[in-house]
Amino acid sequence: MSVIETISTAQGEKQVVNCWAFASMIWSSALNGNQNALKMVDELFANKHEIPIFLQASKEGNQAMIFSAINVLAFALDDKIAEVFESQKST
């Protein structure tokens, strides 16, 4: 899981943060009580009732729950990005 990926664009190669790194940053900020991050978590988690469970376990240092939360966020981010690209292709 690298943090920075190089992608090729029409403007040349660009270095970007991948979904896993971005998800990790969101989760870390959410654990620190950042309201914007918590809103993003709420938007990205399909099962809203799981959010408090993941937050509590993560704050207690449960590494498996931290990884699971980041996993949920990373896949949801990837899905959102795919939706945006699909909608742009059809316009």
N, C-alpha and C. Protein backbone atom coordinates (compact mmCIF):
# COMPACT_ATOMS: atom_id res chain seq x y z
N MET A 1 0.84 -1.18 0.00
CA MET A 1 0.00 0.00 0.00
C MET A 1 0.88 1.24 0.00
N SER A 2 1.29 1.66 -1.16
CA SER A 2 2.11 2.86 -1.20
C SER A 2 1.24 4.09 -1.00
N VAL A 3 1.83 5.13 -0.51
CA VAL A 3 1.11 6.36 -0.22
C VAL A 3 1.00 7.21 -1.48
N ILE A 4 2.05 7.26 -2.26
CA ILE A 4 2.09 8.07 -3.46
C ILE A 4 2.16 7.16 -4.68
N GLU A 5 1.31 7.46 -5.65
CA GLU A 5 1.34 6.73 -6.91
C GLU A 5 1.60 7.72 -8.02
N THR A 6 2.22 7.25 -9.08
CA THR A 6 2.43 8.08 -10.25
C THR A 6 1.43 7.66 -11.31
N ILE A 7 0.70 8.64 -11.82
CA ILE A 7 -0.28 8.36 -12.87
C ILE A 7 0.07 9.18 -14.11
N SER A 8 -0.33 8.68 -15.26
CA SER A 8 -0.12 9.41 -16.50
C SER A 8 -1.40 10.14 -16.86
N THR A 9 -1.27 11.42 -17.16
CA THR A 9 -2.42 12.23 -17.56
C THR A 9 -2.09 12.91 -18.89
N ALA A 10 -3.06 13.59 -19.45
CA ALA A 10 -2.83 14.34 -20.69
C ALA A 10 -1.78 15.42 -20.49
N GLN A 11 -1.62 15.87 -19.26
CA GLN A 11 -0.63 16.90 -18.94
C GLN A 11 0.71 16.32 -18.49
N GLY A 12 0.86 15.01 -18.58
CA GLY A 12 2.10 14.35 -18.16
C GLY A 12 1.89 13.53 -16.91
N GLU A 13 2.99 13.04 -16.35
CA GLU A 13 2.90 12.22 -15.15
C GLU A 13 2.68 13.09 -13.93
N LYS A 14 1.84 12.59 -13.02
CA LYS A 14 1.52 13.29 -11.78
C LYS A 14 1.66 12.32 -10.62
N GLN A 15 2.08 12.83 -9.49
CA GLN A 15 2.10 12.01 -8.28
C GLN A 15 0.86 12.34 -7.47
N VAL A 16 0.14 11.29 -7.06
CA VAL A 16 -1.11 11.47 -6.33
C VAL A 16 -1.12 10.56 -5.11
N VAL A 17 -1.93 10.95 -4.13
CA VAL A 17 -2.16 10.11 -2.96
C VAL A 17 -3.19 9.05 -3.36
N ASN A 18 -2.90 7.79 -3.06
CA ASN A 18 -3.87 6.75 -3.43
C ASN A 18 -5.03 6.70 -2.43
N CYS A 19 -6.04 5.92 -2.77
CA CYS A 19 -7.25 5.85 -1.93
C CYS A 19 -6.94 5.34 -0.53
N TRP A 20 -6.00 4.41 -0.42
CA TRP A 20 -5.66 3.85 0.90
C TRP A 20 -5.05 4.93 1.79
N ALA A 21 -4.15 5.72 1.23
CA ALA A 21 -3.52 6.78 2.02
C ALA A 21 -4.54 7.85 2.40
N PHE A 22 -5.39 8.22 1.45
CA PHE A 22 -6.41 9.23 1.72
C PHE A 22 -7.39 8.72 2.78
N ALA A 23 -7.79 7.46 2.66
CA ALA A 23 -8.69 6.86 3.64
C ALA A 23 -8.06 6.86 5.03
N SER A 24 -6.78 6.58 5.09
CA SER A 24 -6.05 6.58 6.36
C SER A 24 -6.03 7.99 6.97
N MET A 25 -5.83 8.99 6.14
CA MET A 25 -5.82 10.37 6.63
C MET A 25 -7.21 10.77 7.14
N ILE A 26 -8.25 10.37 6.41
CA ILE A 26 -9.62 10.67 6.84
C ILE A 26 -9.90 10.01 8.18
N TRP A 27 -9.55 8.72 8.30
CA TRP A 27 -9.84 7.98 9.54
C TRP A 27 -9.07 8.56 10.72
N SER A 28 -7.82 8.88 10.50
CA SER A 28 -7.02 9.48 11.57
C SER A 28 -7.63 10.79 12.04
N SER A 29 -8.06 11.61 11.10
CA SER A 29 -8.69 12.89 11.46
C SER A 29 -10.02 12.67 12.17
N ALA A 30 -10.78 11.67 11.73
CA ALA A 30 -12.05 11.36 12.39
C ALA A 30 -11.81 10.93 13.83
N LEU A 31 -10.78 10.14 14.04
CA LEU A 31 -10.46 9.69 15.40
C LEU A 31 -10.09 10.86 16.31
N ASN A 32 -9.55 11.92 15.70
CA ASN A 32 -9.19 13.12 16.46
C ASN A 32 -10.36 14.09 16.60
N GLY A 33 -11.54 13.68 16.11
CA GLY A 33 -12.74 14.49 16.28
C GLY A 33 -12.96 15.55 15.21
N ASN A 34 -12.21 15.51 14.13
CA ASN A 34 -12.37 16.49 13.06
C ASN A 34 -13.76 16.32 12.43
N GLN A 35 -14.57 17.36 12.50
CA GLN A 35 -15.96 17.28 12.03
C GLN A 35 -16.06 17.04 10.53
N ASN A 36 -15.16 17.63 9.74
CA ASN A 36 -15.18 17.39 8.30
C ASN A 36 -14.88 15.93 7.98
N ALA A 37 -13.91 15.38 8.68
CA ALA A 37 -13.56 13.97 8.48
C ALA A 37 -14.72 13.07 8.91
N LEU A 38 -15.36 13.41 10.02
CA LEU A 38 -16.50 12.62 10.48
C LEU A 38 -17.65 12.66 9.47
N LYS A 39 -17.85 13.80 8.83
CA LYS A 39 -18.88 13.91 7.79
C LYS A 39 -18.52 13.02 6.60
N MET A 40 -17.24 13.00 6.25
CA MET A 40 -16.80 12.15 5.14
C MET A 40 -17.00 10.68 5.49
N VAL A 41 -16.66 10.31 6.71
CA VAL A 41 -16.87 8.93 7.17
C VAL A 41 -18.34 8.57 7.07
N ASP A 42 -19.19 9.48 7.53
CA ASP A 42 -20.63 9.23 7.47
C ASP A 42 -21.11 9.06 6.03
N GLU A 43 -20.54 9.82 5.13
CA GLU A 43 -20.91 9.72 3.71
C GLU A 43 -20.43 8.42 3.09
N LEU A 44 -19.26 7.94 3.50
CA LEU A 44 -18.64 6.80 2.85
C LEU A 44 -19.02 5.44 3.44
N PHE A 45 -19.39 5.40 4.71
CA PHE A 45 -19.78 4.13 5.33
C PHE A 45 -21.20 3.78 4.90
N ALA A 46 -21.39 2.61 4.32
CA ALA A 46 -22.72 2.16 3.92
C ALA A 46 -23.57 1.84 5.15
N ASN A 47 -22.95 1.20 6.14
CA ASN A 47 -23.66 0.81 7.37
C ASN A 47 -23.34 1.83 8.46
N LYS A 48 -24.20 2.84 8.55
CA LYS A 48 -23.96 3.96 9.48
C LYS A 48 -23.85 3.51 10.93
N HIS A 49 -24.58 2.44 11.29
CA HIS A 49 -24.55 1.98 12.68
C HIS A 49 -23.18 1.43 13.08
N GLU A 50 -22.35 1.10 12.10
CA GLU A 50 -21.01 0.58 12.41
C GLU A 50 -20.01 1.67 12.78
N ILE A 51 -20.29 2.90 12.40
CA ILE A 51 -19.32 3.98 12.61
C ILE A 51 -18.91 4.11 14.07
N PRO A 52 -19.85 4.22 15.03
CA PRO A 52 -19.42 4.36 16.43
C PRO A 52 -18.63 3.16 16.94
N ILE A 53 -18.97 1.97 16.43
CA ILE A 53 -18.25 0.76 16.84
C ILE A 53 -16.80 0.83 16.37
N PHE A 54 -16.62 1.19 15.09
CA PHE A 54 -15.27 1.31 14.54
C PHE A 54 -14.49 2.43 15.23
N LEU A 55 -15.15 3.56 15.47
CA LEU A 55 -14.46 4.68 16.14
C LEU A 55 -13.99 4.28 17.53
N GLN A 56 -14.86 3.67 18.32
CA GLN A 56 -14.50 3.30 19.69
C GLN A 56 -13.36 2.28 19.71
N ALA A 57 -13.50 1.24 18.90
CA ALA A 57 -12.47 0.20 18.87
C ALA A 57 -11.14 0.77 18.38
N SER A 58 -11.19 1.66 17.41
CA SER A 58 -9.97 2.26 16.89
C SER A 58 -9.30 3.14 17.94
N LYS A 59 -10.10 3.92 18.66
CA LYS A 59 -9.56 4.77 19.72
C LYS A 59 -8.91 3.93 20.82
N GLU A 60 -9.41 2.70 21.01
CA GLU A 60 -8.84 1.79 22.00
C GLU A 60 -7.60 1.07 21.47
N GLY A 61 -7.24 1.34 20.23
CA GLY A 61 -6.02 0.76 19.66
C GLY A 61 -6.20 -0.57 18.95
N ASN A 62 -7.42 -0.96 18.67
CA ASN A 62 -7.68 -2.23 17.99
C ASN A 62 -7.24 -2.10 16.53
N GLN A 63 -6.07 -2.66 16.23
CA GLN A 63 -5.47 -2.53 14.90
C GLN A 63 -6.33 -3.15 13.80
N ALA A 64 -6.98 -4.26 14.10
CA ALA A 64 -7.83 -4.91 13.10
C ALA A 64 -9.01 -4.01 12.73
N MET A 65 -9.58 -3.34 13.71
CA MET A 65 -10.69 -2.43 13.44
C MET A 65 -10.23 -1.18 12.69
N ILE A 66 -9.04 -0.71 13.02
CA ILE A 66 -8.48 0.44 12.30
C ILE A 66 -8.31 0.07 10.83
N PHE A 67 -7.69 -1.08 10.58
CA PHE A 67 -7.48 -1.52 9.21
C PHE A 67 -8.81 -1.73 8.49
N SER A 68 -9.78 -2.31 9.19
CA SER A 68 -11.09 -2.55 8.59
C SER A 68 -11.79 -1.24 8.22
N ALA A 69 -11.71 -0.25 9.09
CA ALA A 69 -12.32 1.05 8.82
C ALA A 69 -11.67 1.71 7.61
N ILE A 70 -10.35 1.67 7.56
CA ILE A 70 -9.62 2.25 6.42
C ILE A 70 -9.99 1.49 5.15
N ASN A 71 -10.13 0.19 5.25
CA ASN A 71 -10.53 -0.63 4.12
C ASN A 71 -11.90 -0.20 3.59
N VAL A 72 -12.86 -0.02 4.48
CA VAL A 72 -14.21 0.43 4.09
C VAL A 72 -14.11 1.77 3.37
N LEU A 73 -13.37 2.69 3.96
CA LEU A 73 -13.24 4.03 3.38
C LEU A 73 -12.54 3.99 2.02
N ALA A 74 -11.46 3.22 1.92
CA ALA A 74 -10.70 3.16 0.66
C ALA A 74 -11.56 2.62 -0.48
N PHE A 75 -12.30 1.55 -0.23
CA PHE A 75 -13.14 1.00 -1.29
C PHE A 75 -14.29 1.95 -1.63
N ALA A 76 -14.84 2.62 -0.63
CA ALA A 76 -15.92 3.58 -0.89
C ALA A 76 -15.40 4.77 -1.70
N LEU A 77 -14.20 5.23 -1.37
CA LEU A 77 -13.59 6.32 -2.15
C LEU A 77 -13.37 5.88 -3.59
N ASP A 78 -12.86 4.68 -3.76
CA ASP A 78 -12.62 4.16 -5.10
C ASP A 78 -13.93 4.10 -5.89
N ASP A 79 -15.00 3.66 -5.24
CA ASP A 79 -16.31 3.62 -5.90
C ASP A 79 -16.80 5.01 -6.28
N LYS A 80 -16.62 5.98 -5.37
CA LYS A 80 -17.04 7.36 -5.66
C LYS A 80 -16.27 7.92 -6.84
N ILE A 81 -14.98 7.66 -6.88
CA ILE A 81 -14.15 8.14 -7.99
C ILE A 81 -14.62 7.52 -9.30
N ALA A 82 -14.91 6.23 -9.28
CA ALA A 82 -15.39 5.55 -10.48
C ALA A 82 -16.72 6.15 -10.94
N GLU A 83 -17.61 6.47 -10.01
CA GLU A 83 -18.89 7.09 -10.35
C GLU A 83 -18.68 8.43 -11.06
N VAL A 84 -17.75 9.23 -10.54
CA VAL A 84 -17.48 10.53 -11.14
C VAL A 84 -16.96 10.37 -12.57
N PHE A 85 -16.01 9.46 -12.75
CA PHE A 85 -15.48 9.25 -14.09
C PHE A 85 -16.54 8.72 -15.04
N GLU A 86 -17.39 7.84 -14.57
CA GLU A 86 -18.47 7.31 -15.41
C GLU A 86 -19.44 8.42 -15.82
N SER A 87 -19.78 9.28 -14.87
CA SER A 87 -20.72 10.36 -15.19
C SER A 87 -20.10 11.36 -16.16
N GLN A 88 -18.78 11.56 -16.07
CA GLN A 88 -18.10 12.48 -16.99
C GLN A 88 -17.98 11.90 -18.39
N LYS A 89 -17.88 10.56 -18.48
CA LYS A 89 -17.80 9.91 -19.79
C LYS A 89 -19.12 10.02 -20.54
N SER A 90 -20.23 10.06 -19.82
CA SER A 90 -21.53 10.09 -20.47
C SER A 90 -21.99 11.50 -20.81
N THR A 91 -21.20 12.52 -20.45
CA THR A 91 -21.58 13.90 -20.81
C THR A 91 -20.81 14.38 -22.00
